[in-house]
């Protein structure tokens, strides 16, 4: 959300695109990625998904902290409210 306006919803990644992104992050070509054992690819994918989730969480938290500074509200309580807790 930017300036109170909802951003357009982006399509999600499909499996092939997520694998290509992960291969790139790990410095592998598509061929090298396919040659990796299944368990190794699964671990690399899980790592990238975890890191992406943490980054999104941190960005959301920073945005809430910024809003708190502007409005004087509690970012923790606002995040709990948004999560339905």
PDB file of N, CA and C in Angstrom:
ATOM      1  N   UNK A   1       0.838  -1.171   0.000  1.00  0.00           N
ATOM      2  CA  UNK A   1       0.000   0.000   0.000  1.00  0.00           C
ATOM      3  C   UNK A   1       0.888   1.241   0.000  1.00  0.00           C
ATOM      4  N   UNK A   2       0.646   2.133  -0.934  1.00  0.00           N
ATOM      5  CA  UNK A   2       1.448   3.344  -1.013  1.00  0.00           C
ATOM      6  C   UNK A   2       0.529   4.555  -0.970  1.00  0.00           C
ATOM      7  N   UNK A   3       0.796   5.454  -0.078  1.00  0.00           N
ATOM      8  CA  UNK A   3       0.009   6.681   0.058  1.00  0.00           C
ATOM      9  C   UNK A   3      -1.482   6.402   0.220  1.00  0.00           C
ATOM     10  N   UNK A   4      -1.829   5.343   0.941  1.00  0.00           N
ATOM     11  CA  UNK A   4      -3.222   5.041   1.206  1.00  0.00           C
ATOM     12  C   UNK A   4      -3.963   4.437   0.029  1.00  0.00           C
ATOM     13  N   UNK A   5      -3.267   4.128  -1.062  1.00  0.00           N
ATOM     14  CA  UNK A   5      -3.895   3.546  -2.253  1.00  0.00           C
ATOM     15  C   UNK A   5      -3.455   2.102  -2.360  1.00  0.00           C
ATOM     16  N   UNK A   6      -4.408   1.209  -2.587  1.00  0.00           N
ATOM     17  CA  UNK A   6      -4.060  -0.202  -2.724  1.00  0.00           C
ATOM     18  C   UNK A   6      -3.266  -0.430  -4.003  1.00  0.00           C
ATOM     19  N   UNK A   7      -2.148  -1.103  -3.874  1.00  0.00           N
ATOM     20  CA  UNK A   7      -1.334  -1.453  -5.028  1.00  0.00           C
ATOM     21  C   UNK A   7      -2.019  -2.580  -5.782  1.00  0.00           C
ATOM     22  N   UNK A   8      -1.818  -2.669  -7.096  1.00  0.00           N
ATOM     23  CA  UNK A   8      -2.445  -3.762  -7.839  1.00  0.00           C
ATOM     24  C   UNK A   8      -1.902  -5.103  -7.366  1.00  0.00           C
ATOM     25  N   UNK A   9      -2.758  -6.097  -7.363  1.00  0.00           N
ATOM     26  CA  UNK A   9      -2.347  -7.432  -6.936  1.00  0.00           C
ATOM     27  C   UNK A   9      -1.505  -8.072  -8.032  1.00  0.00           C
ATOM     28  N   UNK A  10      -0.368  -8.606  -7.630  1.00  0.00           N
ATOM     29  CA  UNK A  10       0.534  -9.244  -8.589  1.00  0.00           C
ATOM     30  C   UNK A  10       0.263 -10.735  -8.628  1.00  0.00           C
ATOM     31  N   UNK A  11       0.445 -11.349  -9.789  1.00  0.00           N
ATOM     32  CA  UNK A  11       0.260 -12.804  -9.841  1.00  0.00           C
ATOM     33  C   UNK A  11       1.352 -13.505  -9.050  1.00  0.00           C
ATOM     34  N   UNK A  12       1.031 -14.658  -8.506  1.00  0.00           N
ATOM     35  CA  UNK A  12       2.007 -15.432  -7.750  1.00  0.00           C
ATOM     36  C   UNK A  12       2.984 -16.143  -8.671  1.00  0.00           C
ATOM     37  N   UNK A  13       4.064 -16.627  -8.073  1.00  0.00           N
ATOM     38  CA  UNK A  13       5.036 -17.411  -8.835  1.00  0.00           C
ATOM     39  C   UNK A  13       4.484 -18.808  -9.058  1.00  0.00           C
ATOM     40  N   UNK A  14       4.735 -19.348 -10.223  1.00  0.00           N
ATOM     41  CA  UNK A  14       4.463 -20.769 -10.395  1.00  0.00           C
ATOM     42  C   UNK A  14       5.729 -21.531 -10.013  1.00  0.00           C
ATOM     43  N   UNK A  15       5.648 -22.828  -9.941  1.00  0.00           N
ATOM     44  CA  UNK A  15       6.780 -23.627  -9.467  1.00  0.00           C
ATOM     45  C   UNK A  15       8.030 -23.417 -10.317  1.00  0.00           C
ATOM     46  N   UNK A  16       7.860 -23.411 -11.632  1.00  0.00           N
ATOM     47  CA  UNK A  16       9.010 -23.285 -12.522  1.00  0.00           C
ATOM     48  C   UNK A  16       9.713 -21.931 -12.347  1.00  0.00           C
ATOM     49  N   UNK A  17       8.938 -20.886 -12.209  1.00  0.00           N
ATOM     50  CA  UNK A  17       9.522 -19.564 -12.010  1.00  0.00           C
ATOM     51  C   UNK A  17      10.227 -19.468 -10.659  1.00  0.00           C
ATOM     52  N   UNK A  18       9.626 -20.049  -9.636  1.00  0.00           N
ATOM     53  CA  UNK A  18      10.249 -20.036  -8.307  1.00  0.00           C
ATOM     54  C   UNK A  18      11.569 -20.815  -8.334  1.00  0.00           C
ATOM     55  N   UNK A  19      11.588 -21.937  -9.040  1.00  0.00           N
ATOM     56  CA  UNK A  19      12.835 -22.700  -9.147  1.00  0.00           C
ATOM     57  C   UNK A  19      13.893 -21.922  -9.912  1.00  0.00           C
ATOM     58  N   UNK A  20      13.501 -21.232 -10.980  1.00  0.00           N
ATOM     59  CA  UNK A  20      14.462 -20.436 -11.750  1.00  0.00           C
ATOM     60  C   UNK A  20      15.028 -19.301 -10.899  1.00  0.00           C
ATOM     61  N   UNK A  21      14.169 -18.659 -10.119  1.00  0.00           N
ATOM     62  CA  UNK A  21      14.618 -17.586  -9.238  1.00  0.00           C
ATOM     63  C   UNK A  21      15.597 -18.121  -8.197  1.00  0.00           C
ATOM     64  N   UNK A  22      15.274 -19.264  -7.622  1.00  0.00           N
ATOM     65  CA  UNK A  22      16.143 -19.864  -6.612  1.00  0.00           C
ATOM     66  C   UNK A  22      17.483 -20.264  -7.214  1.00  0.00           C
ATOM     67  N   UNK A  23      17.452 -20.872  -8.399  1.00  0.00           N
ATOM     68  CA  UNK A  23      18.704 -21.249  -9.073  1.00  0.00           C
ATOM     69  C   UNK A  23      19.581 -20.015  -9.279  1.00  0.00           C
ATOM     70  N   UNK A  24      18.975 -18.930  -9.724  1.00  0.00           N
ATOM     71  CA  UNK A  24      19.722 -17.692  -9.949  1.00  0.00           C
ATOM     72  C   UNK A  24      20.324 -17.181  -8.644  1.00  0.00           C
ATOM     73  N   UNK A  25      19.544 -17.208  -7.563  1.00  0.00           N
ATOM     74  CA  UNK A  25      20.040 -16.747  -6.259  1.00  0.00           C
ATOM     75  C   UNK A  25      21.239 -17.578  -5.796  1.00  0.00           C
ATOM     76  N   UNK A  26      21.251 -18.849  -6.147  1.00  0.00           N
ATOM     77  CA  UNK A  26      22.343 -19.745  -5.736  1.00  0.00           C
ATOM     78  C   UNK A  26      23.458 -19.805  -6.779  1.00  0.00           C
ATOM     79  N   UNK A  27      23.353 -18.996  -7.841  1.00  0.00           N
ATOM     80  CA  UNK A  27      24.399 -18.937  -8.861  1.00  0.00           C
ATOM     81  C   UNK A  27      24.437 -20.152  -9.775  1.00  0.00           C
ATOM     82  N   UNK A  28      23.283 -20.779  -9.980  1.00  0.00           N
ATOM     83  CA  UNK A  28      23.214 -21.970 -10.824  1.00  0.00           C
ATOM     84  C   UNK A  28      22.485 -21.656 -12.128  1.00  0.00           C
ATOM     85  N   UNK A  29      22.886 -22.309 -13.182  1.00  0.00           N
ATOM     86  CA  UNK A  29      22.136 -22.229 -14.436  1.00  0.00           C
ATOM     87  C   UNK A  29      20.947 -23.175 -14.326  1.00  0.00           C
ATOM     88  N   UNK A  30      19.954 -23.029 -15.190  1.00  0.00           N
ATOM     89  CA  UNK A  30      18.832 -23.975 -15.147  1.00  0.00           C
ATOM     90  C   UNK A  30      19.281 -25.434 -15.275  1.00  0.00           C
ATOM     91  N   UNK A  31      20.253 -25.684 -16.119  1.00  0.00           N
ATOM     92  CA  UNK A  31      20.749 -27.055 -16.281  1.00  0.00           C
ATOM     93  C   UNK A  31      21.402 -27.553 -14.983  1.00  0.00           C
ATOM     94  N   UNK A  32      22.234 -26.703 -14.371  1.00  0.00           N
ATOM     95  CA  UNK A  32      22.873 -27.084 -13.108  1.00  0.00           C
ATOM     96  C   UNK A  32      21.822 -27.328 -12.024  1.00  0.00           C
ATOM     97  N   UNK A  33      20.793 -26.496 -12.015  1.00  0.00           N
ATOM     98  CA  UNK A  33      19.711 -26.664 -11.039  1.00  0.00           C
ATOM     99  C   UNK A  33      19.066 -28.037 -11.189  1.00  0.00           C
ATOM    100  N   UNK A  34      18.726 -28.399 -12.418  1.00  0.00           N
ATOM    101  CA  UNK A  34      18.061 -29.691 -12.654  1.00  0.00           C
ATOM    102  C   UNK A  34      18.960 -30.870 -12.296  1.00  0.00           C
ATOM    103  N   UNK A  35      20.268 -30.677 -12.380  1.00  0.00           N
ATOM    104  CA  UNK A  35      21.202 -31.753 -12.061  1.00  0.00           C
ATOM    105  C   UNK A  35      21.410 -31.933 -10.555  1.00  0.00           C
ATOM    106  N   UNK A  36      20.994 -30.948  -9.761  1.00  0.00           N
ATOM    107  CA  UNK A  36      21.126 -31.069  -8.306  1.00  0.00           C
ATOM    108  C   UNK A  36      20.166 -32.136  -7.783  1.00  0.00           C
ATOM    109  N   UNK A  37      20.565 -32.871  -6.732  1.00  0.00           N
ATOM    110  CA  UNK A  37      19.649 -33.849  -6.132  1.00  0.00           C
ATOM    111  C   UNK A  37      18.377 -33.163  -5.618  1.00  0.00           C
ATOM    112  N   UNK A  38      17.281 -33.896  -5.644  1.00  0.00           N
ATOM    113  CA  UNK A  38      15.981 -33.368  -5.221  1.00  0.00           C
ATOM    114  C   UNK A  38      16.050 -32.745  -3.831  1.00  0.00           C
ATOM    115  N   UNK A  39      16.675 -33.444  -2.881  1.00  0.00           N
ATOM    116  CA  UNK A  39      16.745 -32.929  -1.507  1.00  0.00           C
ATOM    117  C   UNK A  39      17.500 -31.601  -1.434  1.00  0.00           C
ATOM    118  N   UNK A  40      18.555 -31.464  -2.226  1.00  0.00           N
ATOM    119  CA  UNK A  40      19.310 -30.206  -2.234  1.00  0.00           C
ATOM    120  C   UNK A  40      18.473 -29.075  -2.814  1.00  0.00           C
ATOM    121  N   UNK A  41      17.749 -29.353  -3.907  1.00  0.00           N
ATOM    122  CA  UNK A  41      16.881 -28.322  -4.491  1.00  0.00           C
ATOM    123  C   UNK A  41      15.786 -27.923  -3.511  1.00  0.00           C
ATOM    124  N   UNK A  42      15.221 -28.915  -2.811  1.00  0.00           N
ATOM    125  CA  UNK A  42      14.173 -28.619  -1.825  1.00  0.00           C
ATOM    126  C   UNK A  42      14.717 -27.732  -0.710  1.00  0.00           C
ATOM    127  N   UNK A  43      15.922 -28.023  -0.248  1.00  0.00           N
ATOM    128  CA  UNK A  43      16.535 -27.214   0.800  1.00  0.00           C
ATOM    129  C   UNK A  43      16.787 -25.788   0.316  1.00  0.00           C
ATOM    130  N   UNK A  44      17.282 -25.627  -0.901  1.00  0.00           N
ATOM    131  CA  UNK A  44      17.535 -24.294  -1.443  1.00  0.00           C
ATOM    132  C   UNK A  44      16.229 -23.516  -1.600  1.00  0.00           C
ATOM    133  N   UNK A  45      15.180 -24.179  -2.078  1.00  0.00           N
ATOM    134  CA  UNK A  45      13.880 -23.526  -2.209  1.00  0.00           C
ATOM    135  C   UNK A  45      13.345 -23.095  -0.845  1.00  0.00           C
ATOM    136  N   UNK A  46      13.433 -23.983   0.124  1.00  0.00           N
ATOM    137  CA  UNK A  46      12.942 -23.668   1.468  1.00  0.00           C
ATOM    138  C   UNK A  46      13.701 -22.469   2.040  1.00  0.00           C
ATOM    139  N   UNK A  47      14.998 -22.445   1.840  1.00  0.00           N
ATOM    140  CA  UNK A  47      15.813 -21.330   2.332  1.00  0.00           C
ATOM    141  C   UNK A  47      15.370 -20.013   1.699  1.00  0.00           C
ATOM    142  N   UNK A  48      15.192 -20.011   0.379  1.00  0.00           N
ATOM    143  CA  UNK A  48      14.788 -18.787  -0.313  1.00  0.00           C
ATOM    144  C   UNK A  48      13.399 -18.335   0.118  1.00  0.00           C
ATOM    145  N   UNK A  49      12.471 -19.267   0.303  1.00  0.00           N
ATOM    146  CA  UNK A  49      11.133 -18.908   0.760  1.00  0.00           C
ATOM    147  C   UNK A  49      11.182 -18.328   2.170  1.00  0.00           C
ATOM    148  N   UNK A  50      11.981 -18.939   3.034  1.00  0.00           N
ATOM    149  CA  UNK A  50      12.128 -18.444   4.397  1.00  0.00           C
ATOM    150  C   UNK A  50      12.692 -17.027   4.393  1.00  0.00           C
ATOM    151  N   UNK A  51      13.752 -16.816   3.624  1.00  0.00           N
ATOM    152  CA  UNK A  51      14.374 -15.491   3.577  1.00  0.00           C
ATOM    153  C   UNK A  51      13.410 -14.446   3.013  1.00  0.00           C
ATOM    154  N   UNK A  52      12.660 -14.813   1.991  1.00  0.00           N
ATOM    155  CA  UNK A  52      11.684 -13.888   1.406  1.00  0.00           C
ATOM    156  C   UNK A  52      10.611 -13.521   2.422  1.00  0.00           C
ATOM    157  N   UNK A  53      10.160 -14.509   3.179  1.00  0.00           N
ATOM    158  CA  UNK A  53       9.135 -14.250   4.195  1.00  0.00           C
ATOM    159  C   UNK A  53       9.671 -13.326   5.283  1.00  0.00           C
ATOM    160  N   UNK A  54      10.908 -13.560   5.706  1.00  0.00           N
ATOM    161  CA  UNK A  54      11.515 -12.696   6.739  1.00  0.00           C
ATOM    162  C   UNK A  54      11.669 -11.271   6.232  1.00  0.00           C
ATOM    163  N   UNK A  55      12.108 -11.125   4.982  1.00  0.00           N
ATOM    164  CA  UNK A  55      12.270  -9.789   4.416  1.00  0.00           C
ATOM    165  C   UNK A  55      10.931  -9.061   4.363  1.00  0.00           C
ATOM    166  N   UNK A  56       9.876  -9.768   3.938  1.00  0.00           N
ATOM    167  CA  UNK A  56       8.551  -9.155   3.878  1.00  0.00           C
ATOM    168  C   UNK A  56       8.089  -8.755   5.268  1.00  0.00           C
ATOM    169  N   UNK A  57       8.321  -9.608   6.249  1.00  0.00           N
ATOM    170  CA  UNK A  57       7.947  -9.309   7.633  1.00  0.00           C
ATOM    171  C   UNK A  57       8.704  -8.077   8.131  1.00  0.00           C
ATOM    172  N   UNK A  58      10.010  -8.029   7.866  1.00  0.00           N
ATOM    173  CA  UNK A  58      10.812  -6.898   8.315  1.00  0.00           C
ATOM    174  C   UNK A  58      10.363  -5.602   7.646  1.00  0.00           C
ATOM    175  N   UNK A  59      10.028  -5.664   6.352  1.00  0.00           N
ATOM    176  CA  UNK A  59       9.542  -4.472   5.667  1.00  0.00           C
ATOM    177  C   UNK A  59       8.223  -4.004   6.260  1.00  0.00           C
ATOM    178  N   UNK A  60       7.340  -4.946   6.561  1.00  0.00           N
ATOM    179  CA  UNK A  60       6.058  -4.589   7.165  1.00  0.00           C
ATOM    180  C   UNK A  60       6.273  -3.963   8.541  1.00  0.00           C
ATOM    181  N   UNK A  61       7.168  -4.549   9.316  1.00  0.00           N
ATOM    182  CA  UNK A  61       7.454  -4.019  10.651  1.00  0.00           C
ATOM    183  C   UNK A  61       8.025  -2.606  10.557  1.00  0.00           C
ATOM    184  N   UNK A  62       8.953  -2.377   9.622  1.00  0.00           N
ATOM    185  CA  UNK A  62       9.530  -1.044   9.456  1.00  0.00           C
ATOM    186  C   UNK A  62       8.459  -0.033   9.046  1.00  0.00           C
ATOM    187  N   UNK A  63       7.541  -0.459   8.189  1.00  0.00           N
ATOM    188  CA  UNK A  63       6.444   0.421   7.773  1.00  0.00           C
ATOM    189  C   UNK A  63       5.566   0.773   8.977  1.00  0.00           C
ATOM    190  N   UNK A  64       5.276  -0.212   9.821  1.00  0.00           N
ATOM    191  CA  UNK A  64       4.471   0.050  11.015  1.00  0.00           C
ATOM    192  C   UNK A  64       5.205   0.984  11.983  1.00  0.00           C
ATOM    193  N   UNK A  65       6.520   0.799  12.122  1.00  0.00           N
ATOM    194  CA  UNK A  65       7.299   1.698  12.984  1.00  0.00           C
ATOM    195  C   UNK A  65       7.268   3.127  12.445  1.00  0.00           C
ATOM    196  N   UNK A  66       7.357   3.248  11.123  1.00  0.00           N
ATOM    197  CA  UNK A  66       7.310   4.573  10.499  1.00  0.00           C
ATOM    198  C   UNK A  66       5.952   5.224  10.760  1.00  0.00           C
ATOM    199  N   UNK A  67       4.890   4.435  10.597  1.00  0.00           N
ATOM    200  CA  UNK A  67       3.547   4.966  10.846  1.00  0.00           C
ATOM    201  C   UNK A  67       3.382   5.366  12.308  1.00  0.00           C
ATOM    202  N   UNK A  68       3.978   4.589  13.216  1.00  0.00           N
ATOM    203  CA  UNK A  68       3.904   4.923  14.643  1.00  0.00           C
ATOM    204  C   UNK A  68       4.541   6.277  14.894  1.00  0.00           C
ATOM    205  N   UNK A  69       5.692   6.475  14.295  1.00  0.00           N
ATOM    206  CA  UNK A  69       6.383   7.745  14.489  1.00  0.00           C
ATOM    207  C   UNK A  69       5.538   8.907  13.963  1.00  0.00           C
ATOM    208  N   UNK A  70       4.802   8.667  12.876  1.00  0.00           N
ATOM    209  CA  UNK A  70       3.960   9.714  12.304  1.00  0.00           C
ATOM    210  C   UNK A  70       2.699   9.940  13.127  1.00  0.00           C
ATOM    211  N   UNK A  71       2.095   8.855  13.613  1.00  0.00           N
ATOM    212  CA  UNK A  71       0.799   8.943  14.274  1.00  0.00           C
ATOM    213  C   UNK A  71       0.867   8.791  15.787  1.00  0.00           C
ATOM    214  N   UNK A  72       1.958   8.266  16.313  1.00  0.00           N
ATOM    215  CA  UNK A  72       2.059   8.031  17.739  1.00  0.00           C
ATOM    216  C   UNK A  72       1.352   6.765  18.185  1.00  0.00           C
ATOM    217  N   UNK A  73       1.072   5.827  17.248  1.00  0.00           N
ATOM    218  CA  UNK A  73       0.409   4.576  17.613  1.00  0.00           C
ATOM    219  C   UNK A  73       1.446   3.502  17.930  1.00  0.00           C
ATOM    220  N   UNK A  74       0.995   2.363  18.428  1.00  0.00           N
ATOM    221  CA  UNK A  74       1.855   1.249  18.793  1.00  0.00           C
ATOM    222  C   UNK A  74       1.945   0.266  17.627  1.00  0.00           C
ATOM    223  N   UNK A  75       3.134   0.098  16.978  1.00  0.00           N
ATOM    224  CA  UNK A  75       3.223  -0.777  15.809  1.00  0.00           C
ATOM    225  C   UNK A  75       2.939  -2.243  16.134  1.00  0.00           C
ATOM    226  N   UNK A  76       3.310  -2.690  17.323  1.00  0.00           N
ATOM    227  CA  UNK A  76       3.051  -4.078  17.702  1.00  0.00           C
ATOM    228  C   UNK A  76       1.552  -4.334  17.775  1.00  0.00           C
ATOM    229  N   UNK A  77       0.830  -3.438  18.401  1.00  0.00           N
ATOM    230  CA  UNK A  77      -0.621  -3.587  18.510  1.00  0.00           C
ATOM    231  C   UNK A  77      -1.284  -3.489  17.139  1.00  0.00           C
ATOM    232  N   UNK A  78      -0.784  -2.617  16.276  1.00  0.00           N
ATOM    233  CA  UNK A  78      -1.335  -2.487  14.931  1.00  0.00           C
ATOM    234  C   UNK A  78      -1.110  -3.771  14.135  1.00  0.00           C
ATOM    235  N   UNK A  79       0.077  -4.364  14.242  1.00  0.00           N
ATOM    236  CA  UNK A  79       0.365  -5.615  13.530  1.00  0.00           C
ATOM    237  C   UNK A  79      -0.540  -6.738  14.056  1.00  0.00           C
ATOM    238  N   UNK A  80      -0.706  -6.799  15.371  1.00  0.00           N
ATOM    239  CA  UNK A  80      -1.605  -7.819  15.951  1.00  0.00           C
ATOM    240  C   UNK A  80      -3.024  -7.615  15.420  1.00  0.00           C
ATOM    241  N   UNK A  81      -3.456  -6.370  15.338  1.00  0.00           N
ATOM    242  CA  UNK A  81      -4.798  -6.079  14.840  1.00  0.00           C
ATOM    243  C   UNK A  81      -4.941  -6.541  13.397  1.00  0.00           C
ATOM    244  N   UNK A  82      -3.935  -6.273  12.567  1.00  0.00           N
ATOM    245  CA  UNK A  82      -3.973  -6.665  11.162  1.00  0.00           C
ATOM    246  C   UNK A  82      -3.973  -8.184  11.009  1.00  0.00           C
ATOM    247  N   UNK A  83      -3.326  -8.889  11.935  1.00  0.00           N
ATOM    248  CA  UNK A  83      -3.259 -10.343  11.864  1.00  0.00           C
ATOM    249  C   UNK A  83      -4.480 -11.000  12.507  1.00  0.00           C
ATOM    250  N   UNK A  84      -5.359 -10.191  13.089  1.00  0.00           N
ATOM    251  CA  UNK A  84      -6.553 -10.723  13.706  1.00  0.00           C
ATOM    252  C   UNK A  84      -6.312 -11.334  15.071  1.00  0.00           C
ATOM    253  N   UNK A  85      -5.265 -10.915  15.752  1.00  0.00           N
ATOM    254  CA  UNK A  85      -4.944 -11.446  17.077  1.00  0.00           C
ATOM    255  C   UNK A  85      -5.482 -10.566  18.170  1.00  0.00           C
TER     256      UNK A  85
END
